[in-house]
């Protein structure tokens, strides 16, 4: 099969997992998009609202690895369907929030429900796409992360303003149910041939370990002993943490440091997200075509994230933000298409879900720590600009780790 030619089944699988992962981002970002309105209505301070954002990531970090293990154990079809139902239910319950503790608990629970999604979707891609198709497939798949920023801001603030924040959450809760129907019919269990292949690979892994059947601990040891996976985890910790730290702070930087309005900053971030949306599938397709190893290409684009961030943080003319913003969007998100493709390529086929969950765990730890670092630098320097510049070294460190990957 031509590397850029997908079958009808592959297209349906890719569409289904793309929409599933997109909605997991719409769910998590829905709070931030209506937070100013909700904070005022429920008398939450800005600090309390930020703690509710963090609550999601605590729950998410706790379940990314178990979610991947579960996907390998019971099948990614079941975990995807379960996550969609769970995200819809929790988001609907968020329309009933009355106090801080209830809000924190539901945000935490939403993170738990969202945790298995990425690993499950990547496992599905690994089963249904060949080695020369995965770069393009994962690039297209990962484009939904940046598109989620645009999607939720297209409707949630408007609905919350005109119909109430409760209605915004209820409207958001309907979306996973629509995708649930699609996934029920399109995301099928692997074919008998694929199942036989995975069973054979699992038996081979067990034979290497000298046991009849691999246990969870042995599977984790197998993953940790894989140098490629360790390097990808390190790279994700530094680069993905920076990506989400910057994404959450960019609006604040533009408003506080440059004095632009929140609407203006939102427009810049829309262009930021659009650039990232285009960049990820583009680099994924190029990685399948260009005669260069994926880890070297990933290291290059991850390295460029650092200078792109410094350029953005150095912008003093608000009009230039529409130039440096898209450049930052490309730098911040383009590497994820390649690193996720490398995760699929480096993982044992019967452990793709667990491996994706393992790497994503480090991604989320980075995403948790990056805002803390930015906040501490802000306290010490009083400068949003210096805060952003201080974290620019992180993706460069991550890029160095990718050079230690050895591909067959």
Protein backbone atom coordinates (compact mmCIF):
# COMPACT_ATOMS: atom_id res chain seq x y z
CA UNK A 1 0.00 0.00 0.00
CA UNK A 2 1.26 3.47 -0.81
CA UNK A 3 2.42 5.17 2.35
CA UNK A 4 0.07 8.13 1.84
CA UNK A 5 -2.88 6.08 0.59
CA UNK A 6 -5.26 5.06 3.36
CA UNK A 7 -8.01 2.50 2.97
CA UNK A 8 -11.62 3.29 3.83
CA UNK A 9 -11.28 1.39 7.10
CA UNK A 10 -8.13 3.30 7.99
CA UNK A 11 -9.80 6.63 7.24
CA UNK A 12 -12.76 5.77 9.48
CA UNK A 13 -10.46 4.61 12.28
CA UNK A 14 -8.36 7.75 12.00
CA UNK A 15 -11.43 10.00 11.93
CA UNK A 16 -12.87 8.28 14.99
CA UNK A 17 -9.74 8.48 17.13
CA UNK A 18 -9.10 12.05 15.93
CA UNK A 19 -12.55 13.15 17.08
CA UNK A 20 -12.18 11.24 20.35
CA UNK A 21 -8.88 12.89 21.20
CA UNK A 22 -10.17 16.27 20.01
CA UNK A 23 -13.09 16.07 22.41
CA UNK A 24 -10.82 15.10 25.28
CA UNK A 25 -9.13 18.47 24.72
CA UNK A 26 -12.42 20.31 24.34
CA UNK A 27 -13.51 18.80 27.66
CA UNK A 28 -10.34 19.81 29.49
CA UNK A 29 -10.23 23.32 27.98
CA UNK A 30 -13.92 24.04 28.51
CA UNK A 31 -13.26 25.23 32.05
CA UNK A 32 -10.60 27.74 31.03
CA UNK A 33 -12.78 29.13 28.24
CA UNK A 34 -15.64 30.04 30.60
CA UNK A 35 -13.59 30.59 33.75
CA UNK A 36 -13.97 34.40 33.88
CA UNK A 37 -17.77 34.06 33.78
CA UNK A 38 -17.89 31.08 36.13
CA UNK A 39 -15.50 32.64 38.65
CA UNK A 40 -17.68 35.72 38.88
CA UNK A 41 -20.88 33.71 39.20
CA UNK A 42 -19.58 31.42 41.95
CA UNK A 43 -17.28 33.98 43.57
CA UNK A 44 -14.12 32.02 42.83
CA UNK A 45 -10.83 33.89 42.92
CA UNK A 46 -8.39 33.66 40.00
CA UNK A 47 -6.18 31.42 42.14
CA UNK A 48 -9.08 29.07 42.85
CA UNK A 49 -9.92 28.92 39.15
CA UNK A 50 -6.33 28.03 38.34
CA UNK A 51 -6.39 25.28 40.95
CA UNK A 52 -9.39 23.81 39.18
CA UNK A 53 -7.35 23.71 35.97
CA UNK A 54 -4.57 21.88 37.81
CA UNK A 55 -7.08 19.42 39.28
CA UNK A 56 -7.68 18.01 35.81
CA UNK A 57 -3.99 17.36 35.25
CA UNK A 58 -3.62 15.61 38.60
CA UNK A 59 -6.35 13.17 37.64
CA UNK A 60 -5.02 12.85 34.11
CA UNK A 61 -1.46 12.11 35.24
CA UNK A 62 -2.75 9.38 37.55
CA UNK A 63 -4.51 7.48 34.76
CA UNK A 64 -2.39 7.87 31.62
CA UNK A 65 -0.26 4.83 32.44
CA UNK A 66 -3.04 2.65 33.94
CA UNK A 67 -5.20 3.70 30.99
CA UNK A 68 -2.61 2.41 28.55
CA UNK A 69 -2.30 -0.84 30.48
CA UNK A 70 -6.08 -1.17 30.46
CA UNK A 71 -6.19 -0.58 26.70
CA UNK A 72 -3.73 -3.43 26.19
CA UNK A 73 -5.65 -5.64 28.60
CA UNK A 74 -9.27 -5.22 27.49
CA UNK A 75 -8.78 -3.59 24.09
CA UNK A 76 -8.67 0.02 22.97
CA UNK A 77 -12.23 -0.11 21.65
CA UNK A 78 -13.65 -0.58 25.14
CA UNK A 79 -11.43 2.04 26.76
CA UNK A 80 -12.31 4.61 24.08
CA UNK A 81 -16.04 4.01 24.49
CA UNK A 82 -15.78 4.07 28.28
CA UNK A 83 -13.80 7.32 28.25
CA UNK A 84 -16.30 9.03 25.96
CA UNK A 85 -19.19 8.06 28.24
CA UNK A 86 -17.26 9.12 31.34
CA UNK A 87 -16.21 12.49 29.92
CA UNK A 88 -19.77 13.25 28.84
CA UNK A 89 -21.21 12.35 32.25
CA UNK A 90 -18.67 14.35 34.26
CA UNK A 91 -18.94 17.41 32.02
CA UNK A 92 -22.72 17.34 32.35
CA UNK A 93 -22.36 17.18 36.14
CA UNK A 94 -20.14 20.26 36.00
CA UNK A 95 -23.27 22.25 35.15
CA UNK A 96 -24.41 21.59 38.74
CA UNK A 97 -21.31 22.99 40.47
CA UNK A 98 -22.10 25.04 43.57
CA UNK A 99 -18.81 25.34 45.46
CA UNK A 100 -15.03 25.05 45.23
CA UNK A 101 -14.72 21.47 46.45
CA UNK A 102 -17.36 20.16 44.08
CA UNK A 103 -15.68 21.91 41.17
CA UNK A 104 -12.24 20.54 42.12
CA UNK A 105 -13.58 17.01 42.50
CA UNK A 106 -15.34 17.01 39.15
CA UNK A 107 -12.32 18.45 37.37
CA UNK A 108 -10.16 15.77 38.97
CA UNK A 109 -12.64 13.09 37.89
CA UNK A 110 -12.68 14.48 34.34
CA UNK A 111 -8.91 14.06 34.24
CA UNK A 112 -9.25 10.44 35.32
CA UNK A 113 -11.81 9.76 32.60
CA UNK A 114 -9.62 11.42 29.96
CA UNK A 115 -6.42 9.62 30.92
CA UNK A 116 -6.80 6.47 28.79
CA UNK A 117 -7.75 8.31 25.59
CA UNK A 118 -4.38 9.07 23.99
CA UNK A 119 -2.83 5.67 24.68
CA UNK A 120 -5.95 3.89 23.40
CA UNK A 121 -6.07 5.95 20.22
CA UNK A 122 -2.36 5.48 19.49
CA UNK A 123 -2.76 1.75 20.06
CA UNK A 124 -5.55 1.70 17.47
CA UNK A 125 -3.35 3.58 14.99
CA UNK A 126 -0.51 1.15 15.64
CA UNK A 127 -2.74 -1.80 14.80
CA UNK A 128 -4.35 -0.39 11.68
CA UNK A 129 -1.50 1.53 10.01
CA UNK A 130 1.76 0.19 8.64
CA UNK A 131 5.22 1.49 9.61
CA UNK A 132 5.41 3.77 6.55
CA UNK A 133 1.97 5.22 7.22
CA UNK A 134 2.19 5.94 10.93
CA UNK A 135 4.06 9.23 10.62
CA UNK A 136 1.28 10.71 8.50
CA UNK A 137 -1.46 9.04 10.56
CA UNK A 138 -0.07 10.22 13.90
CA UNK A 139 0.59 13.68 12.45
CA UNK A 140 -3.06 13.97 11.43
CA UNK A 141 -4.16 12.49 14.75
CA UNK A 142 -2.11 14.92 16.84
CA UNK A 143 -3.45 17.94 14.92
CA UNK A 144 -6.58 17.77 17.06
CA UNK A 145 -4.73 18.97 20.19
CA UNK A 146 -4.23 22.46 18.80
CA UNK A 147 -7.59 22.43 17.03
CA UNK A 148 -9.23 21.83 20.41
CA UNK A 149 -8.07 25.28 21.52
CA UNK A 150 -9.86 26.85 18.56
CA UNK A 151 -12.96 24.65 18.79
CA UNK A 152 -13.88 25.29 22.40
CA UNK A 153 -13.33 29.03 22.09
CA UNK A 154 -15.64 29.20 19.09
CA UNK A 155 -18.74 28.37 21.11
CA UNK A 156 -18.20 28.02 24.88
CA UNK A 157 -17.64 31.71 25.79
CA UNK A 158 -20.55 32.77 23.57
CA UNK A 159 -22.93 30.19 25.04
CA UNK A 160 -21.80 31.00 28.58
CA UNK A 161 -22.31 34.73 28.01
CA UNK A 162 -25.77 34.49 26.45
CA UNK A 163 -27.22 31.33 28.00
CA UNK A 164 -25.20 30.74 31.16
CA UNK A 165 -22.09 28.73 32.01
CA UNK A 166 -24.26 25.76 32.96
CA UNK A 167 -25.58 25.56 29.40
CA UNK A 168 -22.04 25.75 28.05
CA UNK A 169 -21.09 22.64 30.00
CA UNK A 170 -24.26 20.81 28.97
CA UNK A 171 -23.64 21.65 25.32
CA UNK A 172 -20.08 20.40 25.65
CA UNK A 173 -21.29 17.17 27.26
CA UNK A 174 -23.40 16.32 24.20
CA UNK A 175 -20.41 16.23 21.86
CA UNK A 176 -18.80 12.99 23.17
CA UNK A 177 -22.11 11.17 22.82
CA UNK A 178 -22.18 11.95 19.10
CA UNK A 179 -18.65 10.63 18.66
CA UNK A 180 -19.53 7.62 20.83
CA UNK A 181 -22.02 6.47 18.20
CA UNK A 182 -19.40 6.83 15.45
CA UNK A 183 -16.75 4.94 17.42
CA UNK A 184 -19.17 2.17 18.31
CA UNK A 185 -19.52 1.29 14.63
CA UNK A 186 -16.04 2.15 13.31
CA UNK A 187 -13.52 1.28 16.03
CA UNK A 188 -13.46 -2.47 15.81
CA UNK A 189 -11.33 -5.07 17.48
CA UNK A 190 -8.22 -6.02 15.53
CA UNK A 191 -8.63 -8.67 12.87
CA UNK A 192 -7.82 -12.28 13.63
CA UNK A 193 -4.54 -11.86 11.77
CA UNK A 194 -3.51 -8.89 13.93
CA UNK A 195 -4.60 -10.66 17.10
CA UNK A 196 -2.49 -13.68 16.15
CA UNK A 197 0.47 -11.41 15.46
CA UNK A 198 0.14 -9.68 18.83
CA UNK A 199 -0.18 -13.02 20.63
CA UNK A 200 2.95 -14.29 18.90
CA UNK A 201 4.85 -11.14 19.82
CA UNK A 202 3.69 -11.41 23.42
CA UNK A 203 4.86 -15.03 23.52
CA UNK A 204 8.21 -14.01 22.06
CA UNK A 205 8.60 -11.31 24.70
CA UNK A 206 7.73 -13.84 27.40
CA UNK A 207 10.27 -16.30 26.01
CA UNK A 208 12.99 -13.67 26.20
CA UNK A 209 12.10 -13.10 29.82
CA UNK A 210 12.13 -16.81 30.48
CA UNK A 211 8.50 -17.07 31.56
CA UNK A 212 5.36 -18.49 30.09
CA UNK A 213 3.36 -15.29 30.21
CA UNK A 214 4.43 -11.71 30.77
CA UNK A 215 3.09 -10.03 33.88
CA UNK A 216 2.38 -6.33 34.33
CA UNK A 217 5.65 -5.81 36.21
CA UNK A 218 7.60 -7.63 33.51
CA UNK A 219 5.90 -5.58 30.81
CA UNK A 220 6.86 -2.38 32.60
CA UNK A 221 10.42 -3.62 32.99
CA UNK A 222 10.47 -4.34 29.27
CA UNK A 223 9.33 -0.78 28.54
CA UNK A 224 11.75 0.86 30.96
CA UNK A 225 14.64 -1.18 29.57
CA UNK A 226 13.93 0.19 26.07
CA UNK A 227 16.37 3.06 25.53
CA UNK A 228 14.20 4.61 22.84
CA UNK A 229 11.24 4.82 25.19
CA UNK A 230 13.37 6.33 27.96
CA UNK A 231 14.65 8.99 25.56
CA UNK A 232 11.12 9.77 24.37
CA UNK A 233 9.93 10.09 27.97
CA UNK A 234 12.74 12.54 28.75
CA UNK A 235 12.06 14.54 25.60
CA UNK A 236 8.34 14.64 26.36
CA UNK A 237 8.93 15.76 29.92
CA UNK A 238 10.86 18.82 28.77
CA UNK A 239 9.18 19.66 25.47
CA UNK A 240 5.53 18.84 26.19
CA UNK A 241 5.74 20.52 29.57
CA UNK A 242 7.00 23.65 27.84
CA UNK A 243 4.29 23.41 25.18
CA UNK A 244 1.43 23.46 27.66
CA UNK A 245 3.12 25.89 30.02
CA UNK A 246 3.50 28.35 27.15
CA UNK A 247 -0.02 27.70 25.83
CA UNK A 248 -1.53 28.48 29.23
CA UNK A 249 0.63 31.54 29.81
CA UNK A 250 0.69 33.15 26.35
CA UNK A 251 -2.59 35.03 26.82
CA UNK A 252 -1.50 36.25 30.23
CA UNK A 253 1.85 37.41 28.85
CA UNK A 254 0.25 39.38 26.04
CA UNK A 255 -2.30 41.07 28.29
CA UNK A 256 -0.02 41.80 31.26
CA UNK A 257 3.31 42.41 29.53
CA UNK A 258 2.23 44.03 26.26
CA UNK A 259 -1.04 45.60 27.40
CA UNK A 260 -3.26 44.16 24.67
CA UNK A 261 -6.88 43.28 25.32
CA UNK A 262 -7.99 39.76 26.11
CA UNK A 263 -9.88 39.64 22.81
CA UNK A 264 -6.73 40.63 20.90
CA UNK A 265 -4.73 37.98 22.73
CA UNK A 266 -7.41 35.43 21.89
CA UNK A 267 -7.15 36.31 18.22
CA UNK A 268 -3.41 35.78 18.33
CA UNK A 269 -3.91 32.41 19.99
CA UNK A 270 -6.41 31.42 17.30
CA UNK A 271 -3.71 31.99 14.70
CA UNK A 272 -1.28 30.17 17.00
CA UNK A 273 -3.58 27.14 17.07
CA UNK A 274 -4.26 27.23 13.34
CA UNK A 275 -0.54 27.23 12.54
CA UNK A 276 -0.03 24.27 14.86
CA UNK A 277 -2.98 22.49 13.28
CA UNK A 278 -1.40 22.74 9.84
CA UNK A 279 2.14 22.00 10.98
CA UNK A 280 1.56 18.64 12.65
CA UNK A 281 0.12 16.62 9.76
CA UNK A 282 2.54 18.36 7.40
CA UNK A 283 5.61 17.27 9.35
CA UNK A 284 4.10 13.81 9.78
CA UNK A 285 3.71 13.39 6.03
CA UNK A 286 7.19 14.78 5.38
CA UNK A 287 8.67 12.35 7.89
CA UNK A 288 7.31 9.45 5.83
CA UNK A 289 8.73 10.90 2.61
CA UNK A 290 12.05 12.54 3.47
CA UNK A 291 15.17 10.34 3.63
CA UNK A 292 15.91 11.33 7.22
CA UNK A 293 15.41 9.39 10.42
CA UNK A 294 12.31 10.39 12.36
CA UNK A 295 14.23 10.97 15.58
CA UNK A 296 16.65 13.35 13.85
CA UNK A 297 13.80 15.29 12.26
CA UNK A 298 11.97 15.36 15.60
CA UNK A 299 15.10 16.64 17.34
CA UNK A 300 15.45 19.43 14.77
CA UNK A 301 11.89 20.73 15.11
CA UNK A 302 11.98 20.36 18.90
CA UNK A 303 15.21 22.34 19.04
CA UNK A 304 13.60 25.15 17.01
CA UNK A 305 10.89 25.46 19.66
CA UNK A 306 13.41 27.21 21.94
CA UNK A 307 14.31 30.06 19.53
CA UNK A 308 10.64 30.40 18.54
CA UNK A 309 9.72 30.95 22.19
CA UNK A 310 12.47 33.52 22.68
CA UNK A 311 11.32 35.33 19.53
CA UNK A 312 7.74 35.43 20.78
CA UNK A 313 8.76 36.60 24.25
CA UNK A 314 10.91 39.34 22.70
CA UNK A 315 8.03 40.77 20.67
CA UNK A 316 7.26 44.33 21.73
CA UNK A 317 5.02 45.40 18.84
CA UNK A 318 1.53 43.88 19.29
CA UNK A 319 1.03 43.75 15.53
CA UNK A 320 4.05 41.47 15.21
CA UNK A 321 2.34 38.94 17.47
CA UNK A 322 0.43 37.76 14.41
CA UNK A 323 3.81 36.78 12.96
CA UNK A 324 5.63 35.46 16.01
CA UNK A 325 2.48 33.79 17.40
CA UNK A 326 2.10 31.34 14.49
CA UNK A 327 5.84 30.67 14.55
CA UNK A 328 5.53 29.77 18.22
CA UNK A 329 2.49 27.59 17.48
CA UNK A 330 4.50 25.63 14.93
CA UNK A 331 7.45 25.26 17.28
CA UNK A 332 5.32 24.33 20.27
CA UNK A 333 3.27 21.59 18.66
CA UNK A 334 5.02 20.28 15.54
CA UNK A 335 7.37 17.95 17.42
CA UNK A 336 4.49 16.03 19.02
CA UNK A 337 3.48 14.41 15.73
CA UNK A 338 6.94 12.91 15.33
CA UNK A 339 7.53 11.90 18.94
CA UNK A 340 4.19 10.10 19.13
CA UNK A 341 4.96 8.30 15.88
CA UNK A 342 8.28 7.27 17.41
CA UNK A 343 6.46 5.93 20.47
CA UNK A 344 4.32 3.70 18.25
CA UNK A 345 7.36 2.64 16.23
CA UNK A 346 9.53 1.90 19.28
CA UNK A 347 6.91 0.03 21.30
CA UNK A 348 6.38 -3.70 21.22
CA UNK A 349 3.10 -4.18 19.31
CA UNK A 350 1.42 -5.94 22.23
CA UNK A 351 2.45 -3.09 24.57
CA UNK A 352 1.64 -0.02 22.48
CA UNK A 353 -1.05 1.22 24.84
CA UNK A 354 1.08 0.73 27.94
CA UNK A 355 4.09 2.33 26.27
CA UNK A 356 2.08 5.35 25.12
CA UNK A 357 0.71 5.71 28.64
CA UNK A 358 4.21 5.49 30.12
CA UNK A 359 5.58 8.25 27.89
CA UNK A 360 2.47 10.37 28.33
CA UNK A 361 2.90 10.13 32.10
CA UNK A 362 6.18 12.01 31.78
CA UNK A 363 4.52 14.47 29.39
CA UNK A 364 1.89 15.27 32.00
CA UNK A 365 4.41 15.60 34.82
CA UNK A 366 6.17 18.17 32.67
CA UNK A 367 2.86 19.91 31.99
CA UNK A 368 2.21 20.07 35.74
CA UNK A 369 5.65 21.44 36.62
CA UNK A 370 6.05 24.00 33.82
CA UNK A 371 3.42 26.45 35.15
CA UNK A 372 4.98 26.19 38.61
CA UNK A 373 8.37 27.11 37.18
CA UNK A 374 6.89 30.01 35.24
CA UNK A 375 5.14 31.26 38.37
CA UNK A 376 8.28 31.07 40.50
CA UNK A 377 10.32 32.98 37.94
CA UNK A 378 7.57 35.59 37.77
CA UNK A 379 7.70 36.02 41.55
CA UNK A 380 11.49 36.40 41.47
CA UNK A 381 11.72 38.73 38.46
CA UNK A 382 8.31 40.36 38.20
CA UNK A 383 8.54 39.86 34.43
CA UNK A 384 6.28 37.65 32.32
CA UNK A 385 8.83 37.98 29.54
CA UNK A 386 11.66 36.58 31.64
CA UNK A 387 9.39 33.76 32.79
CA UNK A 388 8.78 32.63 29.22
CA UNK A 389 12.43 33.01 28.24
CA UNK A 390 13.58 30.98 31.23
CA UNK A 391 11.77 27.89 30.02
CA UNK A 392 13.08 28.09 26.44
CA UNK A 393 16.01 25.83 27.32
CA UNK A 394 13.71 22.90 28.11
CA UNK A 395 12.83 21.81 24.54
CA UNK A 396 16.50 22.07 23.59
CA UNK A 397 17.32 19.56 26.34
CA UNK A 398 14.51 17.36 25.05
CA UNK A 399 15.90 17.55 21.51
CA UNK A 400 19.28 16.31 22.71
CA UNK A 401 17.63 13.22 24.22
CA UNK A 402 16.15 12.28 20.84
CA UNK A 403 19.59 11.86 19.28
CA UNK A 404 20.18 8.85 21.53
CA UNK A 405 17.29 6.94 19.94
CA UNK A 406 18.32 4.02 17.75
CA UNK A 407 15.89 3.06 15.01
CA UNK A 408 16.02 -0.19 13.08
